[in-house]
Every structure is written in structure tokens, then in C-alpha cells.
Amino acid sequence: MEPPDAPLQFDTAEYAGGSGPVCSGCQRPAISDYYRANGRVFCRACRGVIEQQLGNPGQMGRAALYGAGAAAAGAVLYYAVLAITHLQIGLIAVAVGYLVGRAVRQGSGAPGGRKYQALAVALTYVAIASSYLPGLYAARAQAGAQVSDLTLAGLALGEPLTGGLRHPLSLVITGIGLWQAWKFNQPAKVEFSGPYAGVSAA
């Protein structure tokens, strides 16, 4: 029996007519025995695949690369909306958190975990903060002030917090964006029960 290549999803149990339970992974009847996890049925081979996926530590480097790319795109999106509308549309932070969280999860190849959650949150925050840099550079040029790039970077990193103190709703929305990134990389929780008698053993 060939286990599935794609990541497995857990929704509802599946059955084939009156012939007994069908594995949610390979879509074949459970002949000898089967297991249950998160409301679905899995054969012995697919259970092994899932347990292997759950034990995969993932690739932090690739997760960081994917996440950084999404963060850069998110920062550009955030600033573009600001430049076009001249409004601070905080809801973009939620979209940035979604993009970065999804990219980190995809890049890691792992079923989530604390280190990937921390990475996704950090990249999301940097993406949101980076969107303030063009405005700070413009303000420096207009004022003719002698402010270093490093100082501007520090101001940008603090702006989501300091700006949020002036506008609490913005701080809340930024928090939701960070939560999106965190949630996308939550560790998967799968508990198997069984084995139960399959078709041939029924």
C-alpha cells in the first residue's frame, strides 16, 4: 500500500458504501486494521507517514529564506498602500502576518514548532516596521537633519509600538498580524487510537 505524497488533512471520517472504513490518506479500504486520528481513518502505512512528518525537524534556513521573501513583499505592500492612500491601514498587518506565516511553514517542511513560530513573528514585525522607513528617510531629507541610517532603522523598529501607543487600535491590529504568523506555525497535534479491525477482520 503506497502512502500519500501530499500533506494529510484531518476533517471527517470517510467510508466506502458498506464496505468499511477507507483510509483518508491513500483512499483505499482498510483491509487488516486501521487507526483513528482527529476524526479520520488511516491505514497502518499512512499512520507511519504521518508520524514521520510529525518527527521532521524541518529546515530553518529554507524557512527563513521563504519567510524573508514574504516579509519583503509584505513590507512593499504595506508601504504601497500607505503611499497611495496616505492612510495607515493597519489591516495590511494581518495580511502580512498571513503571508509570512504561510511562507515559513511551507519553507520549513515541518509540522510547525516554537522556533518556526518565533521566526514568523519576528519577520512579520520587521516587515511591518520596515514600511515606516521610506517616510523616515523622506522626513530626514526634508528637515536636512544629520540622522544616521542606523538611527532611522531603530526608529522604524520602534514605530509599531510607539505608534500603537498613540493609536491603540493600530496596536491591536498589529498584534493580530503577529498572531496570524504565530498561529500558522503551531505544532501539529495528532493522537492515534487503535488498531481497529479492518474489512477482512470484521
N, C-alpha and C. Protein backbone atom coordinates (compact mmCIF):
# COMPACT_ATOMS: atom_id res chain seq x y z
N MET A 1 0.84 -1.19 0.00
CA MET A 1 0.00 0.00 0.00
C MET A 1 0.87 1.24 0.00
N GLU A 2 0.68 2.12 -1.00
CA GLU A 2 1.52 3.30 -1.12
C GLU A 2 0.98 4.42 -0.26
N PRO A 3 1.78 4.98 0.62
CA PRO A 3 1.34 6.12 1.43
C PRO A 3 1.23 7.36 0.58
N PRO A 4 0.48 8.37 1.03
CA PRO A 4 0.29 9.59 0.24
C PRO A 4 1.55 10.43 0.20
N ASP A 5 1.72 11.17 -0.92
CA ASP A 5 2.86 12.08 -1.05
C ASP A 5 2.54 13.44 -0.46
N ALA A 6 1.28 13.90 -0.61
CA ALA A 6 0.90 15.24 -0.16
C ALA A 6 0.66 15.24 1.35
N PRO A 7 0.79 16.41 2.00
CA PRO A 7 0.49 16.52 3.42
C PRO A 7 -0.96 16.11 3.68
N LEU A 8 -1.18 15.40 4.76
CA LEU A 8 -2.50 14.89 5.07
C LEU A 8 -3.32 15.91 5.82
N GLN A 9 -4.63 15.93 5.54
CA GLN A 9 -5.55 16.82 6.21
C GLN A 9 -6.45 16.00 7.13
N PHE A 10 -6.98 16.66 8.18
CA PHE A 10 -7.81 15.97 9.14
C PHE A 10 -9.14 16.71 9.25
N ASP A 11 -10.21 16.11 8.75
CA ASP A 11 -11.52 16.73 8.85
C ASP A 11 -12.55 15.74 9.39
N THR A 12 -13.05 14.87 8.52
CA THR A 12 -14.06 13.92 8.95
C THR A 12 -13.71 12.53 8.46
N ALA A 13 -14.26 11.52 9.11
CA ALA A 13 -14.00 10.14 8.71
C ALA A 13 -14.65 9.85 7.36
N GLU A 14 -14.09 8.90 6.63
CA GLU A 14 -14.60 8.54 5.31
C GLU A 14 -14.89 7.04 5.27
N TYR A 15 -15.98 6.72 4.58
CA TYR A 15 -16.38 5.32 4.45
C TYR A 15 -16.78 5.05 3.01
N ALA A 16 -16.59 3.82 2.57
CA ALA A 16 -16.91 3.44 1.19
C ALA A 16 -18.12 2.53 1.18
N GLY A 17 -19.29 3.10 0.84
CA GLY A 17 -20.50 2.30 0.79
C GLY A 17 -20.72 1.53 2.07
N GLY A 18 -20.85 0.29 2.06
CA GLY A 18 -20.96 -0.53 3.26
C GLY A 18 -19.74 -1.40 3.44
N SER A 19 -18.67 -1.08 2.70
CA SER A 19 -17.51 -1.97 2.69
C SER A 19 -16.53 -1.70 3.83
N GLY A 20 -16.85 -0.76 4.70
CA GLY A 20 -15.96 -0.49 5.80
C GLY A 20 -15.19 0.80 5.63
N PRO A 21 -14.33 1.11 6.57
CA PRO A 21 -13.63 2.39 6.54
C PRO A 21 -12.59 2.46 5.43
N VAL A 22 -12.41 3.66 4.89
CA VAL A 22 -11.42 3.93 3.85
C VAL A 22 -10.37 4.87 4.43
N CYS A 23 -9.11 4.58 4.18
CA CYS A 23 -8.02 5.41 4.67
C CYS A 23 -8.10 6.81 4.07
N SER A 24 -8.04 7.82 4.91
CA SER A 24 -8.11 9.21 4.44
C SER A 24 -6.84 9.63 3.72
N GLY A 25 -5.76 8.86 3.85
CA GLY A 25 -4.52 9.20 3.19
C GLY A 25 -4.44 8.63 1.79
N CYS A 26 -4.49 7.31 1.66
CA CYS A 26 -4.33 6.66 0.36
C CYS A 26 -5.66 6.34 -0.32
N GLN A 27 -6.78 6.60 0.38
CA GLN A 27 -8.11 6.40 -0.18
C GLN A 27 -8.41 4.95 -0.52
N ARG A 28 -7.80 4.01 0.22
CA ARG A 28 -8.05 2.59 0.00
C ARG A 28 -8.72 2.00 1.23
N PRO A 29 -9.52 0.95 1.03
CA PRO A 29 -10.18 0.32 2.19
C PRO A 29 -9.14 -0.21 3.18
N ALA A 30 -9.42 -0.06 4.46
CA ALA A 30 -8.54 -0.60 5.50
C ALA A 30 -8.82 -2.10 5.60
N ILE A 31 -7.93 -2.91 5.04
CA ILE A 31 -8.17 -4.34 4.92
C ILE A 31 -7.96 -5.07 6.25
N SER A 32 -6.77 -4.96 6.81
CA SER A 32 -6.47 -5.73 8.01
C SER A 32 -6.83 -4.97 9.28
N ASP A 33 -6.32 -3.77 9.39
CA ASP A 33 -6.65 -2.94 10.56
C ASP A 33 -6.49 -1.48 10.19
N TYR A 34 -6.92 -0.59 11.07
CA TYR A 34 -6.81 0.84 10.81
C TYR A 34 -6.74 1.59 12.14
N TYR A 35 -6.43 2.86 12.02
CA TYR A 35 -6.31 3.73 13.19
C TYR A 35 -7.17 4.97 12.99
N ARG A 36 -7.47 5.64 14.08
CA ARG A 36 -8.21 6.89 14.02
C ARG A 36 -7.35 8.02 14.58
N ALA A 37 -7.46 9.18 13.94
CA ALA A 37 -6.76 10.38 14.42
C ALA A 37 -7.53 11.60 13.99
N ASN A 38 -7.86 12.45 14.93
CA ASN A 38 -8.57 13.70 14.64
C ASN A 38 -9.83 13.47 13.81
N GLY A 39 -10.55 12.41 14.12
CA GLY A 39 -11.81 12.14 13.46
C GLY A 39 -11.71 11.47 12.10
N ARG A 40 -10.50 11.04 11.72
CA ARG A 40 -10.35 10.39 10.42
C ARG A 40 -9.72 9.02 10.57
N VAL A 41 -9.84 8.24 9.51
CA VAL A 41 -9.34 6.87 9.49
C VAL A 41 -8.05 6.80 8.69
N PHE A 42 -7.06 6.05 9.19
CA PHE A 42 -5.79 5.88 8.49
C PHE A 42 -5.33 4.44 8.58
N CYS A 43 -4.77 3.94 7.47
CA CYS A 43 -4.21 2.60 7.47
C CYS A 43 -2.86 2.63 8.19
N ARG A 44 -2.28 1.46 8.37
CA ARG A 44 -1.01 1.38 9.10
C ARG A 44 0.11 2.13 8.37
N ALA A 45 0.14 2.00 7.03
CA ALA A 45 1.20 2.65 6.26
C ALA A 45 1.09 4.17 6.35
N CYS A 46 -0.11 4.70 6.22
CA CYS A 46 -0.29 6.15 6.27
C CYS A 46 -0.05 6.69 7.67
N ARG A 47 -0.34 5.87 8.68
CA ARG A 47 -0.01 6.30 10.04
C ARG A 47 1.51 6.50 10.16
N GLY A 48 2.27 5.57 9.57
CA GLY A 48 3.73 5.70 9.62
C GLY A 48 4.21 6.97 8.94
N VAL A 49 3.56 7.33 7.79
CA VAL A 49 3.94 8.55 7.08
C VAL A 49 3.67 9.78 7.94
N ILE A 50 2.53 9.80 8.58
CA ILE A 50 2.16 10.94 9.43
C ILE A 50 3.13 11.08 10.59
N GLU A 51 3.46 9.99 11.23
CA GLU A 51 4.38 10.04 12.36
C GLU A 51 5.77 10.50 11.91
N GLN A 52 6.14 10.12 10.69
CA GLN A 52 7.43 10.57 10.15
C GLN A 52 7.39 12.07 9.90
N GLN A 53 6.27 12.57 9.36
CA GLN A 53 6.12 14.00 9.12
C GLN A 53 6.16 14.77 10.43
N LEU A 54 5.50 14.24 11.45
CA LEU A 54 5.47 14.91 12.74
C LEU A 54 6.86 14.96 13.38
N GLY A 55 7.68 13.98 13.08
CA GLY A 55 9.03 13.95 13.64
C GLY A 55 10.06 14.71 12.83
N ASN A 56 9.62 15.30 11.71
CA ASN A 56 10.54 16.03 10.84
C ASN A 56 10.93 17.36 11.48
N PRO A 57 12.22 17.59 11.77
CA PRO A 57 12.62 18.86 12.40
C PRO A 57 12.57 20.04 11.45
N GLY A 58 12.46 19.79 10.14
CA GLY A 58 12.35 20.87 9.18
C GLY A 58 13.70 21.50 8.85
N GLN A 59 13.64 22.54 8.04
CA GLN A 59 14.84 23.25 7.59
C GLN A 59 14.72 24.73 7.94
N MET A 60 15.42 25.15 8.97
CA MET A 60 15.33 26.52 9.44
C MET A 60 15.83 27.51 8.40
N GLY A 61 16.91 27.16 7.69
CA GLY A 61 17.45 28.07 6.68
C GLY A 61 16.46 28.35 5.57
N ARG A 62 15.84 27.30 5.07
CA ARG A 62 14.88 27.50 3.99
C ARG A 62 13.63 28.22 4.49
N ALA A 63 13.23 27.93 5.74
CA ALA A 63 12.08 28.62 6.32
C ALA A 63 12.37 30.11 6.43
N ALA A 64 13.61 30.46 6.85
CA ALA A 64 13.99 31.86 6.97
C ALA A 64 14.02 32.54 5.60
N LEU A 65 14.48 31.82 4.58
CA LEU A 65 14.55 32.37 3.23
C LEU A 65 13.16 32.64 2.68
N TYR A 66 12.28 31.66 2.80
CA TYR A 66 10.91 31.83 2.33
C TYR A 66 10.21 32.95 3.10
N GLY A 67 10.41 32.94 4.43
CA GLY A 67 9.76 33.94 5.26
C GLY A 67 10.26 35.34 4.97
N ALA A 68 11.58 35.48 4.74
CA ALA A 68 12.16 36.79 4.44
C ALA A 68 11.61 37.33 3.11
N GLY A 69 11.45 36.44 2.15
CA GLY A 69 10.88 36.86 0.87
C GLY A 69 9.46 37.37 1.04
N ALA A 70 8.67 36.64 1.82
CA ALA A 70 7.29 37.07 2.08
C ALA A 70 7.27 38.36 2.88
N ALA A 71 8.20 38.51 3.84
CA ALA A 71 8.27 39.72 4.64
C ALA A 71 8.60 40.93 3.77
N ALA A 72 9.53 40.76 2.84
CA ALA A 72 9.89 41.86 1.93
C ALA A 72 8.69 42.26 1.08
N ALA A 73 7.98 41.26 0.56
CA ALA A 73 6.79 41.55 -0.24
C ALA A 73 5.73 42.24 0.61
N GLY A 74 5.59 41.79 1.86
CA GLY A 74 4.62 42.40 2.75
C GLY A 74 4.96 43.84 3.08
N ALA A 75 6.24 44.13 3.28
CA ALA A 75 6.66 45.50 3.58
C ALA A 75 6.38 46.42 2.39
N VAL A 76 6.65 45.93 1.17
CA VAL A 76 6.37 46.71 -0.04
C VAL A 76 4.87 46.97 -0.15
N LEU A 77 4.06 45.93 0.10
CA LEU A 77 2.60 46.08 0.04
C LEU A 77 2.13 47.10 1.05
N TYR A 78 2.65 47.00 2.27
CA TYR A 78 2.25 47.89 3.36
C TYR A 78 2.56 49.35 2.98
N TYR A 79 3.78 49.59 2.49
CA TYR A 79 4.17 50.96 2.14
C TYR A 79 3.42 51.45 0.92
N ALA A 80 3.16 50.56 -0.04
CA ALA A 80 2.44 50.97 -1.25
C ALA A 80 1.04 51.47 -0.90
N VAL A 81 0.38 50.77 -0.01
CA VAL A 81 -0.96 51.19 0.41
C VAL A 81 -0.88 52.54 1.12
N LEU A 82 0.14 52.70 1.96
CA LEU A 82 0.33 53.97 2.67
C LEU A 82 0.62 55.11 1.70
N ALA A 83 1.48 54.87 0.70
CA ALA A 83 1.85 55.90 -0.25
C ALA A 83 0.69 56.30 -1.15
N ILE A 84 -0.12 55.32 -1.53
CA ILE A 84 -1.23 55.59 -2.45
C ILE A 84 -2.40 56.26 -1.74
N THR A 85 -2.74 55.75 -0.57
CA THR A 85 -3.93 56.24 0.13
C THR A 85 -3.62 57.32 1.14
N HIS A 86 -2.34 57.44 1.53
CA HIS A 86 -1.92 58.37 2.59
C HIS A 86 -2.62 58.06 3.91
N LEU A 87 -2.97 56.79 4.07
CA LEU A 87 -3.63 56.35 5.29
C LEU A 87 -2.87 55.16 5.88
N GLN A 88 -2.85 55.09 7.19
CA GLN A 88 -2.26 53.93 7.86
C GLN A 88 -3.33 52.86 7.97
N ILE A 89 -3.37 51.95 7.02
CA ILE A 89 -4.37 50.89 7.03
C ILE A 89 -3.78 49.69 7.75
N GLY A 90 -4.07 49.61 9.04
CA GLY A 90 -3.45 48.59 9.87
C GLY A 90 -3.81 47.18 9.49
N LEU A 91 -4.95 47.01 8.80
CA LEU A 91 -5.37 45.65 8.44
C LEU A 91 -4.37 44.97 7.51
N ILE A 92 -3.53 45.76 6.84
CA ILE A 92 -2.49 45.17 6.00
C ILE A 92 -1.56 44.32 6.85
N ALA A 93 -1.39 44.68 8.13
CA ALA A 93 -0.54 43.91 9.02
C ALA A 93 -1.04 42.48 9.16
N VAL A 94 -2.36 42.31 9.12
CA VAL A 94 -2.93 40.96 9.20
C VAL A 94 -2.55 40.16 7.96
N ALA A 95 -2.64 40.81 6.80
CA ALA A 95 -2.26 40.13 5.56
C ALA A 95 -0.78 39.78 5.56
N VAL A 96 0.05 40.67 6.07
CA VAL A 96 1.49 40.40 6.14
C VAL A 96 1.75 39.20 7.04
N GLY A 97 1.09 39.15 8.19
CA GLY A 97 1.26 38.01 9.10
C GLY A 97 0.86 36.71 8.45
N TYR A 98 -0.21 36.75 7.67
CA TYR A 98 -0.67 35.55 6.96
C TYR A 98 0.37 35.10 5.93
N LEU A 99 0.86 36.06 5.14
CA LEU A 99 1.84 35.73 4.09
C LEU A 99 3.12 35.15 4.67
N VAL A 100 3.63 35.81 5.71
CA VAL A 100 4.89 35.37 6.30
C VAL A 100 4.72 34.03 7.00
N GLY A 101 3.65 33.90 7.77
CA GLY A 101 3.42 32.63 8.48
C GLY A 101 3.30 31.46 7.53
N ARG A 102 2.57 31.66 6.45
CA ARG A 102 2.40 30.60 5.45
C ARG A 102 3.73 30.26 4.78
N ALA A 103 4.51 31.29 4.47
CA ALA A 103 5.80 31.06 3.79
C ALA A 103 6.77 30.31 4.69
N VAL A 104 6.81 30.67 5.97
CA VAL A 104 7.71 29.97 6.90
C VAL A 104 7.28 28.51 7.03
N ARG A 105 6.00 28.26 7.12
CA ARG A 105 5.50 26.88 7.24
C ARG A 105 5.87 26.07 6.00
N GLN A 106 5.66 26.66 4.84
CA GLN A 106 5.98 25.96 3.59
C GLN A 106 7.47 25.73 3.45
N GLY A 107 8.27 26.74 3.79
CA GLY A 107 9.71 26.61 3.64
C GLY A 107 10.33 25.62 4.59
N SER A 108 9.78 25.52 5.78
CA SER A 108 10.36 24.62 6.78
C SER A 108 10.15 23.16 6.44
N GLY A 109 9.02 22.85 5.81
CA GLY A 109 8.70 21.45 5.56
C GLY A 109 8.40 20.69 6.82
N ALA A 110 8.18 21.41 7.92
CA ALA A 110 7.95 20.80 9.23
C ALA A 110 6.51 21.06 9.67
N PRO A 111 6.00 20.24 10.57
CA PRO A 111 4.64 20.43 11.07
C PRO A 111 4.56 21.48 12.17
N GLY A 112 5.26 22.57 12.00
CA GLY A 112 5.21 23.65 12.99
C GLY A 112 6.17 23.45 14.14
N GLY A 113 6.14 24.38 15.08
CA GLY A 113 7.02 24.31 16.24
C GLY A 113 7.38 25.70 16.72
N ARG A 114 7.87 25.79 17.96
CA ARG A 114 8.13 27.07 18.59
C ARG A 114 9.16 27.91 17.83
N LYS A 115 10.22 27.27 17.34
CA LYS A 115 11.27 28.06 16.67
C LYS A 115 10.74 28.67 15.37
N TYR A 116 9.85 27.96 14.69
CA TYR A 116 9.27 28.50 13.46
C TYR A 116 8.24 29.58 13.78
N GLN A 117 7.53 29.42 14.89
CA GLN A 117 6.61 30.46 15.31
C GLN A 117 7.36 31.75 15.63
N ALA A 118 8.47 31.61 16.36
CA ALA A 118 9.27 32.80 16.71
C ALA A 118 9.82 33.46 15.46
N LEU A 119 10.29 32.65 14.51
CA LEU A 119 10.82 33.20 13.26
C LEU A 119 9.75 33.96 12.50
N ALA A 120 8.57 33.38 12.38
CA ALA A 120 7.48 34.01 11.63
C ALA A 120 7.06 35.32 12.28
N VAL A 121 6.97 35.35 13.60
CA VAL A 121 6.58 36.57 14.31
C VAL A 121 7.64 37.66 14.11
N ALA A 122 8.91 37.30 14.25
CA ALA A 122 9.99 38.27 14.10
C ALA A 122 10.01 38.87 12.69
N LEU A 123 9.87 38.02 11.68
CA LEU A 123 9.88 38.50 10.30
C LEU A 123 8.67 39.38 10.01
N THR A 124 7.53 39.02 10.57
CA THR A 124 6.32 39.82 10.37
C THR A 124 6.50 41.21 11.00
N TYR A 125 7.06 41.24 12.20
CA TYR A 125 7.26 42.53 12.87
C TYR A 125 8.24 43.40 12.08
N VAL A 126 9.32 42.81 11.61
CA VAL A 126 10.30 43.56 10.82
C VAL A 126 9.67 44.08 9.54
N ALA A 127 8.81 43.27 8.91
CA ALA A 127 8.15 43.70 7.69
C ALA A 127 7.26 44.91 7.95
N ILE A 128 6.51 44.87 9.03
CA ILE A 128 5.64 46.00 9.38
C ILE A 128 6.47 47.23 9.70
N ALA A 129 7.52 47.05 10.48
CA ALA A 129 8.38 48.17 10.86
C ALA A 129 9.09 48.77 9.65
N SER A 130 9.51 47.93 8.71
CA SER A 130 10.23 48.41 7.53
C SER A 130 9.40 49.34 6.67
N SER A 131 8.09 49.18 6.74
CA SER A 131 7.22 50.04 5.92
C SER A 131 7.31 51.50 6.33
N TYR A 132 7.84 51.77 7.54
CA TYR A 132 7.97 53.15 8.01
C TYR A 132 9.26 53.82 7.51
N LEU A 133 10.20 53.01 7.03
CA LEU A 133 11.50 53.57 6.65
C LEU A 133 11.43 54.63 5.55
N PRO A 134 10.72 54.40 4.45
CA PRO A 134 10.69 55.44 3.41
C PRO A 134 10.19 56.79 3.94
N GLY A 135 9.19 56.77 4.80
CA GLY A 135 8.69 58.01 5.37
C GLY A 135 9.72 58.68 6.25
N LEU A 136 10.46 57.90 7.00
CA LEU A 136 11.50 58.47 7.87
C LEU A 136 12.64 59.06 7.04
N TYR A 137 13.01 58.38 5.96
CA TYR A 137 14.04 58.91 5.08
C TYR A 137 13.59 60.24 4.45
N ALA A 138 12.32 60.27 4.04
CA ALA A 138 11.80 61.50 3.44
C ALA A 138 11.79 62.64 4.45
N ALA A 139 11.42 62.34 5.70
CA ALA A 139 11.40 63.37 6.75
C ALA A 139 12.81 63.87 7.03
N ARG A 140 13.79 62.97 7.01
CA ARG A 140 15.18 63.39 7.23
C ARG A 140 15.67 64.31 6.13
N ALA A 141 15.33 63.95 4.89
CA ALA A 141 15.76 64.78 3.76
C ALA A 141 15.11 66.15 3.80
N GLN A 142 13.84 66.18 4.16
CA GLN A 142 13.12 67.44 4.20
C GLN A 142 13.65 68.35 5.31
N ALA A 143 13.98 67.75 6.44
CA ALA A 143 14.47 68.54 7.58
C ALA A 143 15.96 68.83 7.48
N GLY A 144 16.67 68.11 6.61
CA GLY A 144 18.11 68.28 6.49
C GLY A 144 18.85 67.88 7.75
N ALA A 145 18.25 66.96 8.50
CA ALA A 145 18.84 66.55 9.78
C ALA A 145 19.94 65.53 9.55
N GLN A 146 20.94 65.57 10.43
CA GLN A 146 22.04 64.62 10.37
C GLN A 146 21.71 63.41 11.24
N VAL A 147 20.90 62.54 10.70
CA VAL A 147 20.47 61.35 11.42
C VAL A 147 20.98 60.14 10.65
N SER A 148 21.66 59.25 11.34
CA SER A 148 22.25 58.09 10.67
C SER A 148 21.19 57.09 10.24
N ASP A 149 21.56 56.28 9.26
CA ASP A 149 20.65 55.23 8.80
C ASP A 149 20.33 54.25 9.94
N LEU A 150 21.32 54.00 10.78
CA LEU A 150 21.11 53.08 11.89
C LEU A 150 20.07 53.62 12.87
N THR A 151 20.13 54.93 13.09
CA THR A 151 19.14 55.55 13.97
C THR A 151 17.75 55.46 13.37
N LEU A 152 17.65 55.69 12.06
CA LEU A 152 16.35 55.60 11.39
C LEU A 152 15.81 54.17 11.46
N ALA A 153 16.71 53.20 11.31
CA ALA A 153 16.28 51.80 11.41
C ALA A 153 15.73 51.51 12.81
N GLY A 154 16.40 52.05 13.82
CA GLY A 154 15.92 51.87 15.18
C GLY A 154 14.57 52.52 15.41
N LEU A 155 14.39 53.71 14.84
CA LEU A 155 13.10 54.39 14.96
C LEU A 155 11.99 53.60 14.28
N ALA A 156 12.34 53.04 13.11
CA ALA A 156 11.35 52.25 12.37
C ALA A 156 10.95 51.01 13.17
N LEU A 157 11.93 50.36 13.79
CA LEU A 157 11.63 49.16 14.57
C LEU A 157 10.74 49.47 15.77
N GLY A 158 10.87 50.67 16.30
CA GLY A 158 10.05 51.03 17.44
C GLY A 158 8.69 51.60 17.08
N GLU A 159 8.53 52.01 15.83
CA GLU A 159 7.31 52.71 15.43
C GLU A 159 6.02 51.89 15.60
N PRO A 160 6.00 50.58 15.29
CA PRO A 160 4.75 49.83 15.52
C PRO A 160 4.28 49.88 16.97
N LEU A 161 5.23 49.98 17.90
CA LEU A 161 4.88 50.05 19.32
C LEU A 161 4.55 51.48 19.74
N THR A 162 5.44 52.43 19.41
CA THR A 162 5.19 53.81 19.82
C THR A 162 3.97 54.38 19.11
N GLY A 163 3.83 54.03 17.82
CA GLY A 163 2.65 54.47 17.10
C GLY A 163 1.39 53.83 17.65
N GLY A 164 1.53 52.58 18.10
CA GLY A 164 0.39 51.88 18.68
C GLY A 164 -0.06 52.49 19.99
N LEU A 165 0.88 53.06 20.73
CA LEU A 165 0.50 53.72 21.98
C LEU A 165 -0.32 54.97 21.69
N ARG A 166 -0.03 55.64 20.56
CA ARG A 166 -0.82 56.81 20.18
C ARG A 166 -2.16 56.41 19.59
N HIS A 167 -2.17 55.24 18.93
CA HIS A 167 -3.39 54.74 18.29
C HIS A 167 -3.58 53.28 18.69
N PRO A 168 -4.25 53.04 19.82
CA PRO A 168 -4.38 51.68 20.35
C PRO A 168 -4.95 50.67 19.37
N LEU A 169 -5.87 51.10 18.51
CA LEU A 169 -6.45 50.17 17.55
C LEU A 169 -5.38 49.64 16.60
N SER A 170 -4.44 50.50 16.21
CA SER A 170 -3.35 50.07 15.35
C SER A 170 -2.50 49.01 16.04
N LEU A 171 -2.28 49.19 17.33
CA LEU A 171 -1.50 48.21 18.09
C LEU A 171 -2.22 46.87 18.15
N VAL A 172 -3.53 46.92 18.30
CA VAL A 172 -4.33 45.68 18.34
C VAL A 172 -4.24 44.96 17.00
N ILE A 173 -4.36 45.70 15.92
CA ILE A 173 -4.32 45.08 14.58
C ILE A 173 -2.93 44.51 14.29
N THR A 174 -1.90 45.23 14.72
CA THR A 174 -0.54 44.69 14.57
C THR A 174 -0.40 43.38 15.34
N GLY A 175 -0.97 43.35 16.55
CA GLY A 175 -0.94 42.12 17.34
C GLY A 175 -1.65 40.98 16.65
N ILE A 176 -2.75 41.28 15.97
CA ILE A 176 -3.47 40.24 15.23
C ILE A 176 -2.60 39.72 14.08
N GLY A 177 -1.89 40.63 13.42
CA GLY A 177 -0.99 40.20 12.35
C GLY A 177 0.10 39.28 12.86
N LEU A 178 0.67 39.61 14.00
CA LEU A 178 1.70 38.75 14.60
C LEU A 178 1.11 37.41 15.02
N TRP A 179 -0.13 37.45 15.51
CA TRP A 179 -0.79 36.20 15.90
C TRP A 179 -1.03 35.31 14.68
N GLN A 180 -1.36 35.91 13.54
CA GLN A 180 -1.53 35.13 12.32
C GLN A 180 -0.27 34.36 11.99
N ALA A 181 0.87 35.05 12.06
CA ALA A 181 2.15 34.39 11.77
C ALA A 181 2.43 33.28 12.77
N TRP A 182 2.13 33.53 14.04
CA TRP A 182 2.34 32.54 15.10
C TRP A 182 1.44 31.33 14.91
N LYS A 183 0.16 31.59 14.63
CA LYS A 183 -0.82 30.52 14.52
C LYS A 183 -0.52 29.59 13.35
N PHE A 184 -0.02 30.14 12.25
CA PHE A 184 0.24 29.33 11.07
C PHE A 184 1.30 28.27 11.33
N ASN A 185 2.14 28.49 12.33
CA ASN A 185 3.24 27.56 12.60
C ASN A 185 3.08 26.84 13.94
N GLN A 186 1.85 26.75 14.41
CA GLN A 186 1.59 25.98 15.61
C GLN A 186 1.95 24.51 15.37
N PRO A 187 2.53 23.85 16.36
CA PRO A 187 2.86 22.44 16.18
C PRO A 187 1.61 21.60 16.00
N ALA A 188 1.66 20.70 15.03
CA ALA A 188 0.52 19.82 14.79
C ALA A 188 0.37 18.83 15.94
N LYS A 189 -0.88 18.59 16.30
CA LYS A 189 -1.17 17.64 17.38
C LYS A 189 -2.04 16.52 16.81
N VAL A 190 -1.47 15.33 16.77
CA VAL A 190 -2.18 14.16 16.24
C VAL A 190 -2.03 13.02 17.22
N GLU A 191 -3.14 12.48 17.68
CA GLU A 191 -3.11 11.33 18.59
C GLU A 191 -3.88 10.18 17.94
N PHE A 192 -3.19 9.07 17.76
CA PHE A 192 -3.80 7.90 17.14
C PHE A 192 -4.44 7.01 18.19
N SER A 193 -5.56 6.43 17.82
CA SER A 193 -6.17 5.37 18.64
C SER A 193 -6.32 4.14 17.76
N GLY A 194 -6.31 2.98 18.36
CA GLY A 194 -6.40 1.74 17.60
C GLY A 194 -5.22 0.84 17.93
N PRO A 195 -5.04 -0.23 17.17
CA PRO A 195 -5.71 -0.52 15.90
C PRO A 195 -7.12 -1.10 16.09
N TYR A 196 -7.96 -0.88 15.05
CA TYR A 196 -9.30 -1.44 14.99
C TYR A 196 -9.33 -2.46 13.85
N ALA A 197 -10.25 -3.37 13.95
CA ALA A 197 -10.36 -4.43 12.94
C ALA A 197 -10.81 -3.86 11.60
N GLY A 198 -10.11 -4.23 10.54
CA GLY A 198 -10.44 -3.75 9.20
C GLY A 198 -11.48 -4.62 8.54
N VAL A 199 -11.58 -4.52 7.19
CA VAL A 199 -12.60 -5.23 6.44
C VAL A 199 -12.45 -6.74 6.57
N SER A 200 -11.22 -7.24 6.35
CA SER A 200 -11.01 -8.69 6.35
C SER A 200 -11.17 -9.30 7.73
N ALA A 201 -10.97 -8.47 8.78
CA ALA A 201 -11.06 -8.98 10.15
C ALA A 201 -12.43 -8.77 10.76
N ALA A 202 -13.32 -8.07 10.03
CA ALA A 202 -14.64 -7.74 10.58
C ALA A 202 -15.51 -8.98 10.63
